Amino acid sequence: MTTYTPKVTDDGAKLCGVKSCDRRHEARGLCHGHYHRLAKHGDVQPDKPLGKARGRVRAEQSPRWAGDDVTYLGAHRRIAAEHGKAADWKCACGCGKPAAEWAYLGIDTEQRAATGGHHEGVLYSPSSEHYAPLAKVCHARFDVWQRQRRTGLSLASAVLDMLTAS
């Protein structure tokens, strides 16, 4: 198998080891496109042009992030971008434990319910002002209390629902 050495620019950036390619180095001396070509075909096919590099969309430009159309995951990424990781905070309930997660407080009049995936039906807010950093155990307790308050279920039923949903 041919080995590739990444090209190094004057400022120290590594580029793809294929002579005709100026894309950023990713693995084994190759850019993402040539590396996957090598893995799939056993050859980088240097004479064959790669498709347009899609690159990553910055979070702020993603449709899962922007404005009020933000998704559940986008809202949580937005909170982390604005306030940092929850782990950098103390739990907001006052227990003294370090926080682990951002918890939706359930107070936004414009709240949404997540659609699709693991978080189907979970309530969230597009606004980061309606979240607080909580320790995992405090977040779980808070969610049980919220579910009970919203649905009118008995505490035992809310806990049972939470345990069977996990």
C-alpha atoms as a PDB file:
ATOM      1  CA  MET A   1       0.000   0.000   0.000  1.00  0.00           C
ATOM      2  CA  THR A   2       1.281   3.454  -0.876  1.00  0.00           C
ATOM      3  CA  THR A   3       1.963   5.729   2.068  1.00  0.00           C
ATOM      4  CA  TYR A   4       1.212   9.432   1.919  1.00  0.00           C
ATOM      5  CA  THR A   5       2.931  12.214   3.774  1.00  0.00           C
ATOM      6  CA  PRO A   6       0.924  15.361   4.339  1.00  0.00           C
ATOM      7  CA  LYS A   7       2.241  18.573   2.836  1.00  0.00           C
ATOM      8  CA  VAL A   8       3.049  21.240   5.427  1.00  0.00           C
ATOM      9  CA  THR A   9       2.427  24.915   4.671  1.00  0.00           C
ATOM     10  CA  ASP A  10       4.598  27.801   5.884  1.00  0.00           C
ATOM     11  CA  ASP A  11       2.205  28.392   8.778  1.00  0.00           C
ATOM     12  CA  GLY A  12       2.368  24.727   9.851  1.00  0.00           C
ATOM     13  CA  ALA A  13      -0.992  23.595   8.485  1.00  0.00           C
ATOM     14  CA  LYS A  14      -1.077  20.048   7.127  1.00  0.00           C
ATOM     15  CA  LEU A  15      -2.576  19.407   3.697  1.00  0.00           C
ATOM     16  CA  CYS A  16      -3.454  16.238   1.801  1.00  0.00           C
ATOM     17  CA  GLY A  17      -0.447  14.224   0.591  1.00  0.00           C
ATOM     18  CA  VAL A  18      -1.876  13.837  -2.943  1.00  0.00           C
ATOM     19  CA  LYS A  19       0.128  16.245  -5.148  1.00  0.00           C
ATOM     20  CA  SER A  20      -2.875  17.786  -6.899  1.00  0.00           C
ATOM     21  CA  CYS A  21      -4.926  18.286  -3.707  1.00  0.00           C
ATOM     22  CA  ASP A  22      -4.854  21.273  -1.352  1.00  0.00           C
ATOM     23  CA  ARG A  23      -7.489  20.095   1.115  1.00  0.00           C
ATOM     24  CA  ARG A  24      -6.853  19.884   4.847  1.00  0.00           C
ATOM     25  CA  HIS A  25      -5.115  16.710   6.051  1.00  0.00           C
ATOM     26  CA  GLU A  26      -7.381  14.384   8.011  1.00  0.00           C
ATOM     27  CA  ALA A  27      -5.876  10.885   8.335  1.00  0.00           C
ATOM     28  CA  ARG A  28      -2.925   8.809   7.085  1.00  0.00           C
ATOM     29  CA  GLY A  29      -1.518  11.761   5.159  1.00  0.00           C
ATOM     30  CA  LEU A  30      -4.747  12.291   3.210  1.00  0.00           C
ATOM     31  CA  CYS A  31      -7.764  14.587   3.171  1.00  0.00           C
ATOM     32  CA  HIS A  32     -11.189  13.183   4.009  1.00  0.00           C
ATOM     33  CA  GLY A  33     -12.105  12.527   0.356  1.00  0.00           C
ATOM     34  CA  HIS A  34      -8.884  10.781  -0.650  1.00  0.00           C
ATOM     35  CA  TYR A  35      -8.790   8.772   2.581  1.00  0.00           C
ATOM     36  CA  HIS A  36     -12.285   7.394   1.932  1.00  0.00           C
ATOM     37  CA  ARG A  37     -11.439   6.704  -1.694  1.00  0.00           C
ATOM     38  CA  LEU A  38      -8.412   4.718  -0.562  1.00  0.00           C
ATOM     39  CA  ALA A  39     -10.508   2.778   1.947  1.00  0.00           C
ATOM     40  CA  LYS A  40     -13.275   2.062  -0.580  1.00  0.00           C
ATOM     41  CA  HIS A  41     -11.295   1.435  -3.779  1.00  0.00           C
ATOM     42  CA  GLY A  42      -7.780   0.667  -2.527  1.00  0.00           C
ATOM     43  CA  ASP A  43      -6.489   3.667  -4.498  1.00  0.00           C
ATOM     44  CA  VAL A  44      -6.772   7.439  -4.051  1.00  0.00           C
ATOM     45  CA  GLN A  45      -7.322   7.879  -7.819  1.00  0.00           C
ATOM     46  CA  PRO A  46      -5.367  11.182  -7.899  1.00  0.00           C
ATOM     47  CA  ASP A  47      -6.309  11.888 -11.537  1.00  0.00           C
ATOM     48  CA  LYS A  48     -10.032  11.757 -10.737  1.00  0.00           C
ATOM     49  CA  PRO A  49     -11.363  14.994  -9.163  1.00  0.00           C
ATOM     50  CA  LEU A  50     -13.080  14.872  -5.808  1.00  0.00           C
ATOM     51  CA  GLY A  51     -16.584  16.217  -5.408  1.00  0.00           C
ATOM     52  CA  LYS A  52     -17.137  19.654  -3.939  1.00  0.00           C
ATOM     53  CA  ALA A  53     -16.050  19.764  -0.297  1.00  0.00           C
ATOM     54  CA  ARG A  54     -19.186  20.235   1.752  1.00  0.00           C
ATOM     55  CA  GLY A  55     -17.437  21.157   4.952  1.00  0.00           C
ATOM     56  CA  ARG A  56     -19.208  21.619   8.224  1.00  0.00           C
ATOM     57  CA  VAL A  57     -21.903  24.187   8.695  1.00  0.00           C
ATOM     58  CA  ARG A  58     -21.236  26.497  11.614  1.00  0.00           C
ATOM     59  CA  ALA A  59     -23.772  25.959  14.358  1.00  0.00           C
ATOM     60  CA  GLU A  60     -25.165  29.473  13.989  1.00  0.00           C
ATOM     61  CA  GLN A  61     -25.875  28.835  10.287  1.00  0.00           C
ATOM     62  CA  SER A  62     -27.514  25.470  10.740  1.00  0.00           C
ATOM     63  CA  PRO A  63     -31.297  25.202  10.292  1.00  0.00           C
ATOM     64  CA  ARG A  64     -31.285  23.165  13.533  1.00  0.00           C
ATOM     65  CA  TRP A  65     -29.901  26.226  15.334  1.00  0.00           C
ATOM     66  CA  ALA A  66     -31.226  29.376  13.726  1.00  0.00           C
ATOM     67  CA  GLY A  67     -33.969  31.547  15.168  1.00  0.00           C
ATOM     68  CA  ASP A  68     -37.137  30.087  16.610  1.00  0.00           C
ATOM     69  CA  ASP A  69     -37.049  27.066  14.272  1.00  0.00           C
ATOM     70  CA  VAL A  70     -34.385  25.465  16.439  1.00  0.00           C
ATOM     71  CA  THR A  71     -34.720  21.745  17.191  1.00  0.00           C
ATOM     72  CA  TYR A  72     -34.410  20.140  20.627  1.00  0.00           C
ATOM     73  CA  LEU A  73     -30.727  19.313  20.087  1.00  0.00           C
ATOM     74  CA  GLY A  74     -30.095  22.681  18.456  1.00  0.00           C
ATOM     75  CA  ALA A  75     -31.563  24.459  21.488  1.00  0.00           C
ATOM     76  CA  HIS A  76     -29.247  22.541  23.816  1.00  0.00           C
ATOM     77  CA  ARG A  77     -26.243  23.266  21.591  1.00  0.00           C
ATOM     78  CA  ARG A  78     -27.222  26.935  21.581  1.00  0.00           C
ATOM     79  CA  ILE A  79     -27.333  26.963  25.390  1.00  0.00           C
ATOM     80  CA  ALA A  80     -23.890  25.355  25.609  1.00  0.00           C
ATOM     81  CA  ALA A  81     -22.508  27.877  23.101  1.00  0.00           C
ATOM     82  CA  GLU A  82     -23.952  30.812  25.057  1.00  0.00           C
ATOM     83  CA  HIS A  83     -23.313  29.626  28.626  1.00  0.00           C
ATOM     84  CA  GLY A  84     -20.718  26.863  28.338  1.00  0.00           C
ATOM     85  CA  LYS A  85     -21.028  23.266  29.444  1.00  0.00           C
ATOM     86  CA  ALA A  86     -23.416  22.576  32.296  1.00  0.00           C
ATOM     87  CA  ALA A  87     -20.515  20.793  34.025  1.00  0.00           C
ATOM     88  CA  ASP A  88     -18.817  24.178  34.431  1.00  0.00           C
ATOM     89  CA  TRP A  89     -21.639  25.281  36.756  1.00  0.00           C
ATOM     90  CA  LYS A  90     -22.949  24.330  40.197  1.00  0.00           C
ATOM     91  CA  CYS A  91     -26.377  22.715  40.331  1.00  0.00           C
ATOM     92  CA  ALA A  92     -29.012  25.462  40.361  1.00  0.00           C
ATOM     93  CA  CYS A  93     -31.161  23.647  42.942  1.00  0.00           C
ATOM     94  CA  GLY A  94     -28.689  24.508  45.698  1.00  0.00           C
ATOM     95  CA  CYS A  95     -27.635  20.939  46.507  1.00  0.00           C
ATOM     96  CA  GLY A  96     -23.959  21.865  46.072  1.00  0.00           C
ATOM     97  CA  LYS A  97     -23.277  19.167  43.472  1.00  0.00           C
ATOM     98  CA  PRO A  98     -21.687  20.054  40.150  1.00  0.00           C
ATOM     99  CA  ALA A  99     -24.220  20.381  37.348  1.00  0.00           C
ATOM    100  CA  ALA A 100     -24.187  17.843  34.522  1.00  0.00           C
ATOM    101  CA  GLU A 101     -27.045  18.863  32.222  1.00  0.00           C
ATOM    102  CA  TRP A 102     -29.021  21.872  31.084  1.00  0.00           C
ATOM    103  CA  ALA A 103     -32.630  21.432  32.196  1.00  0.00           C
ATOM    104  CA  TYR A 104     -35.628  23.146  30.632  1.00  0.00           C
ATOM    105  CA  LEU A 105     -37.580  24.847  33.414  1.00  0.00           C
ATOM    106  CA  GLY A 106     -40.970  24.487  31.702  1.00  0.00           C
ATOM    107  CA  ILE A 107     -41.844  28.185  31.938  1.00  0.00           C
ATOM    108  CA  ASP A 108     -41.691  29.366  28.319  1.00  0.00           C
ATOM    109  CA  THR A 109     -45.097  30.244  26.863  1.00  0.00           C
ATOM    110  CA  GLU A 110     -43.602  29.402  23.438  1.00  0.00           C
ATOM    111  CA  GLN A 111     -42.383  25.913  24.435  1.00  0.00           C
ATOM    112  CA  ARG A 112     -42.130  23.153  21.867  1.00  0.00           C
ATOM    113  CA  ALA A 113     -42.266  19.379  21.834  1.00  0.00           C
ATOM    114  CA  ALA A 114     -39.387  17.540  20.178  1.00  0.00           C
ATOM    115  CA  THR A 115     -40.263  15.489  17.107  1.00  0.00           C
ATOM    116  CA  GLY A 116     -38.580  12.279  16.053  1.00  0.00           C
ATOM    117  CA  GLY A 117     -35.718  10.408  17.573  1.00  0.00           C
ATOM    118  CA  HIS A 118     -34.874   9.664  21.179  1.00  0.00           C
ATOM    119  CA  HIS A 119     -36.364  12.922  22.493  1.00  0.00           C
ATOM    120  CA  GLU A 120     -39.801  12.527  20.858  1.00  0.00           C
ATOM    121  CA  GLY A 121     -42.386  14.551  22.783  1.00  0.00           C
ATOM    122  CA  VAL A 122     -39.894  16.111  25.222  1.00  0.00           C
ATOM    123  CA  LEU A 123     -40.661  19.764  25.892  1.00  0.00           C
ATOM    124  CA  TYR A 124     -38.007  22.412  25.212  1.00  0.00           C
ATOM    125  CA  SER A 125     -37.649  26.124  24.607  1.00  0.00           C
ATOM    126  CA  PRO A 126     -35.860  27.929  21.777  1.00  0.00           C
ATOM    127  CA  SER A 127     -34.741  30.526  24.354  1.00  0.00           C
ATOM    128  CA  SER A 128     -31.708  29.789  26.537  1.00  0.00           C
ATOM    129  CA  GLU A 129     -33.103  31.948  29.355  1.00  0.00           C
ATOM    130  CA  HIS A 130     -35.510  29.129  30.262  1.00  0.00           C
ATOM    131  CA  TYR A 131     -32.815  26.601  31.221  1.00  0.00           C
ATOM    132  CA  ALA A 132     -30.782  25.951  34.360  1.00  0.00           C
ATOM    133  CA  PRO A 133     -27.758  23.754  35.051  1.00  0.00           C
ATOM    134  CA  LEU A 134     -28.704  20.745  37.183  1.00  0.00           C
ATOM    135  CA  ALA A 135     -26.968  17.646  38.503  1.00  0.00           C
ATOM    136  CA  LYS A 136     -28.240  14.435  36.866  1.00  0.00           C
ATOM    137  CA  VAL A 137     -30.185  13.284  39.914  1.00  0.00           C
ATOM    138  CA  CYS A 138     -31.720  16.751  40.405  1.00  0.00           C
ATOM    139  CA  HIS A 139     -32.649  16.902  36.718  1.00  0.00           C
ATOM    140  CA  ALA A 140     -34.392  13.514  36.952  1.00  0.00           C
ATOM    141  CA  ARG A 141     -36.309  14.613  40.063  1.00  0.00           C
ATOM    142  CA  PHE A 142     -37.239  17.896  38.434  1.00  0.00           C
ATOM    143  CA  ASP A 143     -38.507  16.086  35.324  1.00  0.00           C
ATOM    144  CA  VAL A 144     -40.689  13.811  37.490  1.00  0.00           C
ATOM    145  CA  TRP A 145     -42.110  16.860  39.264  1.00  0.00           C
ATOM    146  CA  GLN A 146     -42.732  18.597  35.916  1.00  0.00           C
ATOM    147  CA  ARG A 147     -44.466  15.529  34.471  1.00  0.00           C
ATOM    148  CA  GLN A 148     -46.670  15.238  37.552  1.00  0.00           C
ATOM    149  CA  ARG A 149     -47.511  18.947  37.477  1.00  0.00           C
ATOM    150  CA  ARG A 150     -48.336  18.928  33.740  1.00  0.00           C
ATOM    151  CA  THR A 151     -50.397  15.767  33.631  1.00  0.00           C
ATOM    152  CA  GLY A 152     -51.979  15.703  37.065  1.00  0.00           C
ATOM    153  CA  LEU A 153     -50.674  12.151  37.591  1.00  0.00           C
ATOM    154  CA  SER A 154     -49.946  10.948  41.075  1.00  0.00           C
ATOM    155  CA  LEU A 155     -46.281  11.063  42.034  1.00  0.00           C
ATOM    156  CA  ALA A 156     -46.092   7.241  41.923  1.00  0.00           C
ATOM    157  CA  SER A 157     -47.555   7.182  38.393  1.00  0.00           C
ATOM    158  CA  ALA A 158     -45.160   9.898  37.210  1.00  0.00           C
ATOM    159  CA  VAL A 159     -42.168   7.991  38.612  1.00  0.00           C
ATOM    160  CA  LEU A 160     -43.410   4.724  37.090  1.00  0.00           C
ATOM    161  CA  ASP A 161     -43.896   6.432  33.689  1.00  0.00           C
ATOM    162  CA  MET A 162     -40.380   7.839  33.876  1.00  0.00           C
ATOM    163  CA  LEU A 163     -38.828   4.466  34.751  1.00  0.00           C
ATOM    164  CA  THR A 164     -40.680   2.551  32.047  1.00  0.00           C
ATOM    165  CA  ALA A 165     -39.816   5.191  29.407  1.00  0.00           C
ATOM    166  CA  SER A 166     -36.068   4.818  30.049  1.00  0.00           C
END
